[in-house]
Amino acid sequence: MELPPNTTARLVPRTSIVDGEKVTADVVQCIPDMQYNTLTLKSVGGSSKITLQASAVAKGVDLRAVHAYNLQSGWLSGDIETAKAKASQAASLRATKANVRELVACNKWQYFVTITFSSEKWDRDDLQAIQYAIKECARKWRNMQVNKERPYKDFRYLFIPEYHQKGGVHLHGLVSLIPGKYLVPYTMDDVNSEKRLPREIVEKVKAGDEIYHCSYFDEVYGYNVIEPVRSPARLSSYITKYLTKDLGRVPAKTRVWRSRGLHQASIVGQYHISGSGTAVDDAMEYMRSVASRDSQGRPLYHEHYMPIDLGEGVTAQAFRGASALVNAEDRPQDQIKQDISMFGGMRNE
């Protein structure tokens, strides 16, 4: 077998049962090249995001080729392959969450949206048809003319599908705007009518909160709830909570439904820390100190992952990292670059 590019090999002793007896033989494990202590500075909307990865797969590694090699060599088999697949699934879901957080931070959102598709109007398991309907809505609103102008041409959306055990999908997400003619407020008349509104809506209406439904969504999709974005700091936690472990089994391309034209984070620079683990700990402490804070004073976008032990001496891709969202007004990128130079032995790529 030819080793895939950007990888190394090592001999690993494996014990198996042959004709009722234990036999130990060396098998080849293909190991992807890794990057260590990588600090990345990104431009995220009006802020800067610093991400520290103590170890991560290097760029240019074909993980599918690595996996295929390890299957063919006999290093991956049985429960080990299953455990590694679960670890890979978890890592993929973490990456999806990080991407969603950046999309939320890089774009302006006006409303939270929840859509429950009517079983009378839709095959709720036909995700392709539902996705197409969402895209058609976006196209219609962007092309809608009012006084020979297109005031809704900047309509954007970001949805997370929530799958239910009984089948079907709900959508939770964010939109940049909704045409005023479709926005219908819930009122006390609705609360006092024969409608059986959910308790959450009733309580919010009684409290005087703004809460709406969209008449276009009513007609085309089914039940929906629209709420104005009141706390931008909570946007990320609101939407990523629907990226659950169950969704991790869904192909990555269908986990997040997003419109074209969304602004994305851009990498300003990557730095590699050479030195002891203390330097990494110092870098993490620095990121905590500059992180934007929520209303409770907690750092936003702080994450910390540890290696996953799969048993039998097998450890999943060791990943330990942290990230911090830095307010650009308080800490310009040039200042951040200057700050992180204090870790010594760093080089910018």
Protein backbone atom coordinates (compact mmCIF):
# COMPACT_ATOMS: atom_id res chain seq x y z
CA MET A 1 0.00 0.00 0.00
CA GLU A 2 1.17 3.50 -0.80
CA LEU A 3 1.04 5.88 2.13
CA PRO A 4 -1.21 8.94 1.51
CA PRO A 5 0.54 12.34 1.15
CA ASN A 6 1.29 14.39 4.28
CA THR A 7 1.18 11.38 6.58
CA THR A 8 3.58 9.12 8.46
CA ALA A 9 3.38 5.46 9.43
CA ARG A 10 4.11 3.52 12.59
CA LEU A 11 3.99 -0.17 13.50
CA VAL A 12 1.39 -1.01 16.12
CA PRO A 13 1.24 -4.47 17.74
CA ARG A 14 -2.22 -6.05 17.50
CA THR A 15 -3.40 -9.24 19.16
CA SER A 16 -6.01 -11.38 17.42
CA ILE A 17 -7.40 -14.89 17.80
CA VAL A 18 -6.27 -17.34 15.11
CA ASP A 19 -7.42 -20.96 15.32
CA GLY A 20 -8.29 -20.45 18.97
CA GLU A 21 -4.93 -19.02 19.91
CA LYS A 22 -3.76 -15.46 20.51
CA VAL A 23 -1.42 -14.17 17.84
CA THR A 24 0.36 -10.82 18.06
CA ALA A 25 1.51 -9.12 14.86
CA ASP A 26 2.51 -5.59 13.89
CA VAL A 27 0.10 -3.62 11.71
CA VAL A 28 0.70 -0.25 10.10
CA GLN A 29 -1.14 2.80 11.34
CA CYS A 30 -1.27 5.81 9.03
CA ILE A 31 -1.00 9.05 11.01
CA PRO A 32 -1.91 12.44 9.50
CA ASP A 33 0.55 15.28 9.86
CA MET A 34 -0.45 17.57 12.72
CA GLN A 35 -0.03 21.23 13.54
CA TYR A 36 0.58 22.15 17.15
CA ASN A 37 -0.08 25.27 19.19
CA THR A 38 -1.63 27.19 16.30
CA LEU A 39 -3.12 30.57 17.10
CA THR A 40 -5.40 32.02 14.38
CA LEU A 41 -6.62 35.61 14.22
CA LYS A 42 -9.83 36.16 12.23
CA SER A 43 -11.89 39.17 11.28
CA VAL A 44 -15.47 38.38 12.34
CA GLY A 45 -17.95 41.09 11.48
CA GLY A 46 -17.14 44.09 13.64
CA SER A 47 -14.94 42.01 15.92
CA SER A 48 -11.81 39.89 15.94
CA LYS A 49 -11.79 36.23 16.87
CA ILE A 50 -8.72 34.50 18.28
CA THR A 51 -8.63 30.71 18.14
CA LEU A 52 -6.02 28.49 19.80
CA GLN A 53 -5.62 24.84 18.80
CA ALA A 54 -3.10 22.87 20.78
CA SER A 55 -3.18 20.22 18.05
CA ALA A 56 -5.08 19.83 14.80
CA VAL A 57 -4.77 17.99 11.51
CA ALA A 58 -2.51 19.93 9.16
CA LYS A 59 -3.78 21.41 5.91
CA GLY A 60 -3.54 19.22 2.82
CA VAL A 61 -4.25 15.93 4.60
CA ASP A 62 -6.83 13.69 2.94
CA LEU A 63 -8.56 12.16 5.96
CA ARG A 64 -10.61 9.80 3.79
CA ALA A 65 -7.41 8.37 2.33
CA VAL A 66 -5.99 8.00 5.85
CA HIS A 67 -9.12 6.18 6.97
CA ALA A 68 -9.10 3.88 3.91
CA TYR A 69 -5.42 3.05 4.46
CA ASN A 70 -5.99 2.18 8.11
CA LEU A 71 -8.92 -0.07 7.19
CA GLN A 72 -6.86 -1.88 4.56
CA SER A 73 -3.84 -2.25 6.83
CA GLY A 74 -5.98 -3.82 9.53
CA TRP A 75 -5.33 -1.13 12.12
CA LEU A 76 -8.97 -0.08 12.11
CA SER A 77 -11.43 -2.87 12.76
CA GLY A 78 -14.54 -3.62 14.75
CA ASP A 79 -15.22 -1.43 17.75
CA ILE A 80 -12.14 0.72 17.12
CA GLU A 81 -13.47 1.83 13.73
CA THR A 82 -16.88 2.58 15.25
CA ALA A 83 -15.36 4.57 18.11
CA LYS A 84 -13.16 6.53 15.73
CA ALA A 85 -16.15 7.30 13.49
CA LYS A 86 -18.04 8.66 16.52
CA ALA A 87 -15.06 10.82 17.48
CA SER A 88 -14.83 12.13 13.90
CA GLN A 89 -18.56 12.88 13.98
CA ALA A 90 -18.16 14.87 17.19
CA ALA A 91 -15.24 16.84 15.74
CA SER A 92 -17.27 17.60 12.60
CA LEU A 93 -20.16 18.87 14.71
CA ARG A 94 -17.82 21.15 16.67
CA ALA A 95 -16.54 22.58 13.39
CA THR A 96 -20.12 23.19 12.24
CA LYS A 97 -20.91 25.05 15.46
CA ALA A 98 -17.82 27.22 15.07
CA ASN A 99 -18.83 28.06 11.49
CA VAL A 100 -22.38 28.95 12.56
CA ARG A 101 -21.08 31.21 15.34
CA GLU A 102 -18.98 33.09 12.80
CA LEU A 103 -21.88 33.46 10.35
CA VAL A 104 -24.06 34.80 13.17
CA ALA A 105 -21.40 37.30 14.22
CA CYS A 106 -20.55 38.44 10.67
CA ASN A 107 -24.09 39.35 9.59
CA LYS A 108 -26.92 41.58 10.74
CA TRP A 109 -30.07 39.80 11.89
CA GLN A 110 -33.46 41.29 12.71
CA TYR A 111 -35.68 38.34 13.69
CA PHE A 112 -35.58 34.91 15.33
CA VAL A 113 -37.72 32.47 13.36
CA THR A 114 -39.27 29.09 14.19
CA ILE A 115 -41.18 27.21 11.47
CA THR A 116 -43.19 24.01 11.94
CA PHE A 117 -44.18 22.52 8.62
CA SER A 118 -47.80 21.42 8.26
CA SER A 119 -48.21 17.69 7.68
CA GLU A 120 -51.27 18.53 5.56
CA LYS A 121 -49.18 20.61 3.16
CA TRP A 122 -45.82 18.87 3.28
CA ASP A 123 -44.07 15.56 3.41
CA ARG A 124 -42.03 16.62 6.41
CA ASP A 125 -39.32 14.07 5.66
CA ASP A 126 -38.73 15.48 2.18
CA LEU A 127 -35.89 17.82 3.11
CA GLN A 128 -35.02 18.54 -0.50
CA ALA A 129 -38.51 19.93 -1.20
CA ILE A 130 -38.50 21.96 2.02
CA GLN A 131 -35.08 23.43 1.28
CA TYR A 132 -36.22 24.35 -2.22
CA ALA A 133 -39.28 26.12 -0.78
CA ILE A 134 -37.09 28.18 1.55
CA LYS A 135 -34.85 29.17 -1.37
CA GLU A 136 -37.90 30.13 -3.43
CA CYS A 137 -39.14 32.36 -0.60
CA ALA A 138 -35.77 34.10 -0.50
CA ARG A 139 -35.77 34.57 -4.28
CA LYS A 140 -39.33 35.96 -4.25
CA TRP A 141 -38.64 38.45 -1.47
CA ARG A 142 -35.37 39.67 -2.97
CA ASN A 143 -37.11 40.33 -6.30
CA MET A 144 -40.24 41.89 -4.76
CA GLN A 145 -40.82 45.40 -6.13
CA VAL A 146 -42.38 48.29 -4.25
CA ASN A 147 -42.67 51.58 -6.15
CA LYS A 148 -40.36 50.14 -8.82
CA GLU A 149 -37.70 49.42 -6.22
CA ARG A 150 -36.56 46.19 -4.52
CA PRO A 151 -36.42 47.08 -0.83
CA TYR A 152 -35.96 43.43 0.25
CA LYS A 153 -33.06 42.54 -2.05
CA ASP A 154 -30.80 42.09 1.00
CA PHE A 155 -32.94 39.33 2.54
CA ARG A 156 -30.72 36.67 4.12
CA TYR A 157 -31.42 33.61 6.27
CA LEU A 158 -29.63 31.07 8.45
CA PHE A 159 -31.65 28.03 9.57
CA ILE A 160 -30.86 24.95 11.66
CA PRO A 161 -33.19 21.96 11.08
CA GLU A 162 -34.39 20.19 14.20
CA TYR A 163 -35.33 16.57 13.63
CA HIS A 164 -38.03 14.96 15.74
CA GLN A 165 -38.25 11.35 16.84
CA LYS A 166 -41.71 11.06 15.26
CA GLY A 167 -40.27 12.23 11.96
CA GLY A 168 -40.32 15.56 10.22
CA VAL A 169 -38.32 18.71 10.68
CA HIS A 170 -38.69 22.10 12.34
CA LEU A 171 -36.55 25.07 11.38
CA HIS A 172 -34.99 27.47 13.87
CA GLY A 173 -32.94 30.39 12.72
CA LEU A 174 -32.37 34.01 11.88
CA VAL A 175 -33.47 36.30 9.07
CA SER A 176 -32.23 39.74 8.14
CA LEU A 177 -35.73 41.13 7.52
CA ILE A 178 -39.35 40.27 6.78
CA PRO A 179 -41.56 42.35 4.43
CA GLY A 180 -43.87 44.43 6.59
CA LYS A 181 -47.03 43.31 4.80
CA TYR A 182 -46.44 39.73 5.96
CA LEU A 183 -45.64 40.53 9.60
CA VAL A 184 -48.69 39.97 11.84
CA PRO A 185 -48.45 40.68 15.60
CA TYR A 186 -49.97 38.41 18.22
CA THR A 187 -52.29 40.47 20.43
CA MET A 188 -54.50 40.04 23.49
CA ASP A 189 -57.39 39.43 21.08
CA ASP A 190 -55.56 36.30 19.95
CA VAL A 191 -54.92 35.29 23.56
CA ASN A 192 -58.60 35.72 24.48
CA SER A 193 -59.91 34.06 21.33
CA GLU A 194 -60.65 30.37 20.82
CA LYS A 195 -57.18 29.86 19.39
CA ARG A 196 -55.07 27.47 21.44
CA LEU A 197 -51.83 29.41 21.47
CA PRO A 198 -48.73 27.90 23.08
CA ARG A 199 -48.17 29.03 26.65
CA GLU A 200 -44.89 30.73 25.72
CA ILE A 201 -46.66 33.04 23.25
CA VAL A 202 -49.49 33.79 25.68
CA GLU A 203 -47.02 34.75 28.42
CA LYS A 204 -45.02 37.00 26.10
CA VAL A 205 -48.10 38.77 24.78
CA LYS A 206 -49.33 39.36 28.33
CA ALA A 207 -45.90 40.73 29.23
CA GLY A 208 -46.11 43.21 26.36
CA ASP A 209 -43.30 41.62 24.32
CA GLU A 210 -43.27 41.91 20.54
CA ILE A 211 -44.07 38.56 18.97
CA TYR A 212 -45.37 37.89 15.47
CA HIS A 213 -46.18 35.31 12.86
CA CYS A 214 -45.58 35.66 9.14
CA SER A 215 -48.69 35.38 6.94
CA TYR A 216 -46.59 34.13 4.00
CA PHE A 217 -45.14 31.35 6.17
CA ASP A 218 -48.67 30.57 7.47
CA GLU A 219 -49.93 30.02 3.96
CA VAL A 220 -46.95 28.21 2.47
CA TYR A 221 -45.34 26.31 5.36
CA GLY A 222 -47.48 26.17 8.48
CA TYR A 223 -47.18 27.36 12.07
CA ASN A 224 -44.43 29.88 12.76
CA VAL A 225 -43.22 32.31 15.41
CA ILE A 226 -41.25 35.50 14.74
CA GLU A 227 -39.43 37.46 17.46
CA PRO A 228 -37.23 40.56 17.15
CA VAL A 229 -33.58 40.11 18.03
CA ARG A 230 -33.28 41.79 21.43
CA SER A 231 -29.85 40.64 22.59
CA PRO A 232 -27.19 40.21 19.88
CA ALA A 233 -24.88 38.66 22.48
CA ARG A 234 -27.26 35.70 22.81
CA LEU A 235 -27.67 35.02 19.10
CA SER A 236 -24.93 32.42 18.92
CA SER A 237 -26.12 30.40 21.91
CA TYR A 238 -29.73 30.61 20.68
CA ILE A 239 -29.07 29.00 17.33
CA THR A 240 -26.21 26.59 18.11
CA LYS A 241 -28.25 24.83 20.80
CA TYR A 242 -30.14 23.13 17.97
CA LEU A 243 -26.90 21.62 16.65
CA THR A 244 -27.27 18.54 18.84
CA LYS A 245 -25.51 15.18 18.86
CA ASP A 246 -28.43 13.74 16.87
CA LEU A 247 -27.81 16.28 14.13
CA GLY A 248 -24.19 15.13 14.05
CA ARG A 249 -25.37 12.01 12.22
CA VAL A 250 -26.77 14.18 9.43
CA PRO A 251 -24.47 14.91 6.46
CA ALA A 252 -22.63 18.19 7.03
CA LYS A 253 -24.16 19.82 3.92
CA THR A 254 -27.69 19.58 5.33
CA ARG A 255 -27.01 20.61 8.93
CA VAL A 256 -27.13 24.32 8.22
CA TRP A 257 -29.44 25.99 5.69
CA ARG A 258 -28.04 29.35 4.68
CA SER A 259 -28.64 31.85 1.94
CA ARG A 260 -25.98 32.92 -0.51
CA GLY A 261 -24.15 36.15 0.07
CA LEU A 262 -23.65 35.83 3.82
CA HIS A 263 -20.52 37.57 5.08
CA GLN A 264 -17.92 35.17 6.46
CA ALA A 265 -14.92 35.44 8.73
CA SER A 266 -11.56 36.00 7.09
CA ILE A 267 -8.17 34.88 8.42
CA VAL A 268 -5.91 37.80 9.25
CA GLY A 269 -2.93 35.71 10.36
CA GLN A 270 -1.85 32.37 11.80
CA TYR A 271 0.83 31.99 14.43
CA HIS A 272 2.60 28.94 15.80
CA ILE A 273 3.80 28.88 19.40
CA SER A 274 7.05 27.04 19.94
CA GLY A 275 7.86 26.16 23.51
CA SER A 276 6.44 24.39 26.51
CA GLY A 277 2.85 23.77 27.52
CA THR A 278 3.15 26.80 29.75
CA ALA A 279 3.24 29.01 26.65
CA VAL A 280 -0.05 27.47 25.50
CA ASP A 281 -1.62 28.01 28.91
CA ASP A 282 -0.44 31.63 28.84
CA ALA A 283 -2.02 32.07 25.41
CA MET A 284 -5.33 30.66 26.65
CA GLU A 285 -5.25 32.94 29.68
CA TYR A 286 -4.62 35.91 27.39
CA MET A 287 -7.63 35.04 25.24
CA ARG A 288 -9.84 34.81 28.30
CA SER A 289 -8.65 38.26 29.36
CA VAL A 290 -9.56 39.91 26.04
CA ALA A 291 -12.76 37.99 25.30
CA SER A 292 -15.96 39.95 24.88
CA ARG A 293 -18.31 39.43 27.81
CA ASP A 294 -22.01 38.68 27.96
CA SER A 295 -24.46 40.34 30.34
CA GLN A 296 -23.37 37.94 33.12
CA GLY A 297 -19.71 38.78 32.55
CA ARG A 298 -18.87 35.42 30.99
CA PRO A 299 -16.43 35.29 28.05
CA LEU A 300 -18.15 34.79 24.71
CA TYR A 301 -16.97 32.04 22.34
CA HIS A 302 -14.70 30.39 24.88
CA GLU A 303 -14.29 26.68 24.19
CA HIS A 304 -12.07 23.97 25.59
CA TYR A 305 -11.79 20.41 24.27
CA MET A 306 -9.69 17.55 25.57
CA PRO A 307 -8.43 14.38 23.84
CA ILE A 308 -10.91 11.48 23.68
CA ASP A 309 -9.68 8.08 24.88
CA LEU A 310 -11.22 5.33 22.73
CA GLY A 311 -9.81 2.46 24.76
CA GLU A 312 -7.32 -0.22 23.67
CA GLY A 313 -4.63 2.43 23.73
CA VAL A 314 -6.33 4.40 20.95
CA THR A 315 -6.84 8.14 21.29
CA ALA A 316 -8.87 10.23 18.86
CA GLN A 317 -7.28 13.27 17.22
CA ALA A 318 -6.04 15.08 20.30
CA PHE A 319 -7.66 18.48 20.18
CA ARG A 320 -7.52 21.06 22.90
CA GLY A 321 -8.44 24.57 21.99
CA ALA A 322 -10.02 27.81 22.99
CA SER A 323 -11.42 30.79 21.17
CA ALA A 324 -12.37 34.30 22.17
CA LEU A 325 -14.41 36.95 20.39
CA VAL A 326 -12.66 40.28 20.84
CA ASN A 327 -14.50 43.58 20.47
CA ALA A 328 -12.74 45.40 17.64
CA GLU A 329 -13.45 48.82 19.16
CA ASP A 330 -11.63 47.82 22.34
CA ARG A 331 -8.89 45.73 20.77
CA PRO A 332 -8.01 46.48 17.11
CA GLN A 333 -6.39 43.67 15.14
CA ASP A 334 -3.04 45.48 15.00
CA GLN A 335 -3.04 45.64 18.80
CA ILE A 336 -3.92 41.94 19.01
CA LYS A 337 -1.03 41.08 16.68
CA GLN A 338 1.28 43.07 18.92
CA ASP A 339 -0.10 41.41 22.06
CA ILE A 340 0.33 37.84 20.87
CA SER A 341 3.94 38.47 19.90
CA MET A 342 4.65 38.33 23.64
CA PHE A 343 4.46 34.53 23.56
CA GLY A 344 7.90 34.33 21.96
CA GLY A 345 9.04 31.94 19.30
CA MET A 346 5.91 32.66 17.27
CA ARG A 347 5.90 32.99 13.52
CA ASN A 348 3.18 34.42 11.33
CA GLU A 349 2.03 32.51 8.24
